Amino acid sequence: MAGPPGEELHFSLSHSGGPALLAFAAARPVGVDIERVPGGRDGPDAAASLHTLEQAELAALPPV
């Protein structure tokens, strides 16, 4: 791929599991990010690494 003459071509790639996202831009940097949505079992594992006040805030939220 090439951009307009005299301009740099910038790109960004992000992937998570199967899906991937690519972005291309001429003359200026570009960035993309993709992340898989955590399943129901990931929440408690991640919550264990939070500060106790953050854990309390999460515990106070209604279930989804």
C-alpha atoms as a PDB file:
ATOM      1  CA  MET A   1       0.000   0.000   0.000  1.00  0.00           C
ATOM      2  CA  ALA A   2       1.125   3.525  -0.622  1.00  0.00           C
ATOM      3  CA  GLY A   3      -0.163   6.917   0.410  1.00  0.00           C
ATOM      4  CA  PRO A   4      -0.125  10.127  -1.599  1.00  0.00           C
ATOM      5  CA  PRO A   5       3.278  11.019  -3.060  1.00  0.00           C
ATOM      6  CA  GLY A   6       5.554  12.539  -0.440  1.00  0.00           C
ATOM      7  CA  GLU A   7       3.392  11.525   2.525  1.00  0.00           C
ATOM      8  CA  GLU A   8       4.102   8.723   4.935  1.00  0.00           C
ATOM      9  CA  LEU A   9       1.573   5.936   5.324  1.00  0.00           C
ATOM     10  CA  HIS A  10       0.796   5.154   8.958  1.00  0.00           C
ATOM     11  CA  PHE A  11      -0.902   2.008  10.185  1.00  0.00           C
ATOM     12  CA  SER A  12      -2.050   0.364  13.384  1.00  0.00           C
ATOM     13  CA  LEU A  13      -2.961  -3.252  14.130  1.00  0.00           C
ATOM     14  CA  SER A  14      -4.775  -4.670  17.134  1.00  0.00           C
ATOM     15  CA  HIS A  15      -5.991  -8.230  17.686  1.00  0.00           C
ATOM     16  CA  SER A  16      -7.658 -10.175  20.463  1.00  0.00           C
ATOM     17  CA  GLY A  17      -8.400 -13.844  20.031  1.00  0.00           C
ATOM     18  CA  GLY A  18      -9.854 -14.207  16.540  1.00  0.00           C
ATOM     19  CA  PRO A  19     -10.907 -10.644  15.605  1.00  0.00           C
ATOM     20  CA  ALA A  20      -8.390  -8.135  14.279  1.00  0.00           C
ATOM     21  CA  LEU A  21      -8.641  -4.432  13.487  1.00  0.00           C
ATOM     22  CA  LEU A  22      -6.452  -2.492  11.041  1.00  0.00           C
ATOM     23  CA  ALA A  23      -6.305   1.256  10.462  1.00  0.00           C
ATOM     24  CA  PHE A  24      -4.425   3.181   7.761  1.00  0.00           C
ATOM     25  CA  ALA A  25      -3.891   6.922   7.432  1.00  0.00           C
ATOM     26  CA  ALA A  26      -1.770   9.219   5.314  1.00  0.00           C
ATOM     27  CA  ALA A  27       0.284  12.027   6.843  1.00  0.00           C
ATOM     28  CA  ARG A  28      -0.675  11.459  10.499  1.00  0.00           C
ATOM     29  CA  PRO A  29      -0.375   8.682  13.057  1.00  0.00           C
ATOM     30  CA  VAL A  30      -3.406   6.499  13.697  1.00  0.00           C
ATOM     31  CA  GLY A  31      -4.224   4.012  16.443  1.00  0.00           C
ATOM     32  CA  VAL A  32      -6.792   1.278  17.034  1.00  0.00           C
ATOM     33  CA  ASP A  33      -7.533  -1.069  19.901  1.00  0.00           C
ATOM     34  CA  ILE A  34      -9.724  -4.159  20.147  1.00  0.00           C
ATOM     35  CA  GLU A  35     -10.251  -6.346  23.190  1.00  0.00           C
ATOM     36  CA  ARG A  36     -12.440  -9.346  23.789  1.00  0.00           C
ATOM     37  CA  VAL A  37     -15.348  -8.820  26.159  1.00  0.00           C
ATOM     38  CA  PRO A  38     -14.609 -10.750  29.333  1.00  0.00           C
ATOM     39  CA  GLY A  39     -16.915 -13.601  30.176  1.00  0.00           C
ATOM     40  CA  GLY A  40     -18.826 -13.857  33.434  1.00  0.00           C
ATOM     41  CA  ARG A  41     -16.030 -15.807  35.108  1.00  0.00           C
ATOM     42  CA  ASP A  42     -13.358 -13.172  34.372  1.00  0.00           C
ATOM     43  CA  GLY A  43     -14.961 -10.528  36.595  1.00  0.00           C
ATOM     44  CA  PRO A  44     -14.316 -12.146  39.979  1.00  0.00           C
ATOM     45  CA  ASP A  45     -10.742 -12.967  38.980  1.00  0.00           C
ATOM     46  CA  ALA A  46     -10.069  -9.355  37.956  1.00  0.00           C
ATOM     47  CA  ALA A  47     -11.849  -7.937  41.009  1.00  0.00           C
ATOM     48  CA  ALA A  48      -9.430  -9.762  43.301  1.00  0.00           C
ATOM     49  CA  SER A  49      -6.600  -7.527  42.064  1.00  0.00           C
ATOM     50  CA  LEU A  50      -8.482  -4.260  42.714  1.00  0.00           C
ATOM     51  CA  HIS A  51      -8.156  -1.978  45.739  1.00  0.00           C
ATOM     52  CA  THR A  52     -10.620  -2.784  48.530  1.00  0.00           C
ATOM     53  CA  LEU A  53     -12.576   0.438  47.857  1.00  0.00           C
ATOM     54  CA  GLU A  54     -12.888  -0.512  44.171  1.00  0.00           C
ATOM     55  CA  GLN A  55     -14.042  -4.001  45.172  1.00  0.00           C
ATOM     56  CA  ALA A  56     -16.715  -2.438  47.397  1.00  0.00           C
ATOM     57  CA  GLU A  57     -17.928  -0.211  44.524  1.00  0.00           C
ATOM     58  CA  LEU A  58     -18.247  -3.241  42.249  1.00  0.00           C
ATOM     59  CA  ALA A  59     -20.058  -5.244  44.921  1.00  0.00           C
ATOM     60  CA  ALA A  60     -22.606  -2.401  45.289  1.00  0.00           C
ATOM     61  CA  LEU A  61     -23.553  -2.505  41.587  1.00  0.00           C
ATOM     62  CA  PRO A  62     -26.784  -4.298  40.602  1.00  0.00           C
ATOM     63  CA  PRO A  63     -26.289  -7.616  38.759  1.00  0.00           C
ATOM     64  CA  VAL A  64     -26.435  -7.505  34.971  1.00  0.00           C
END
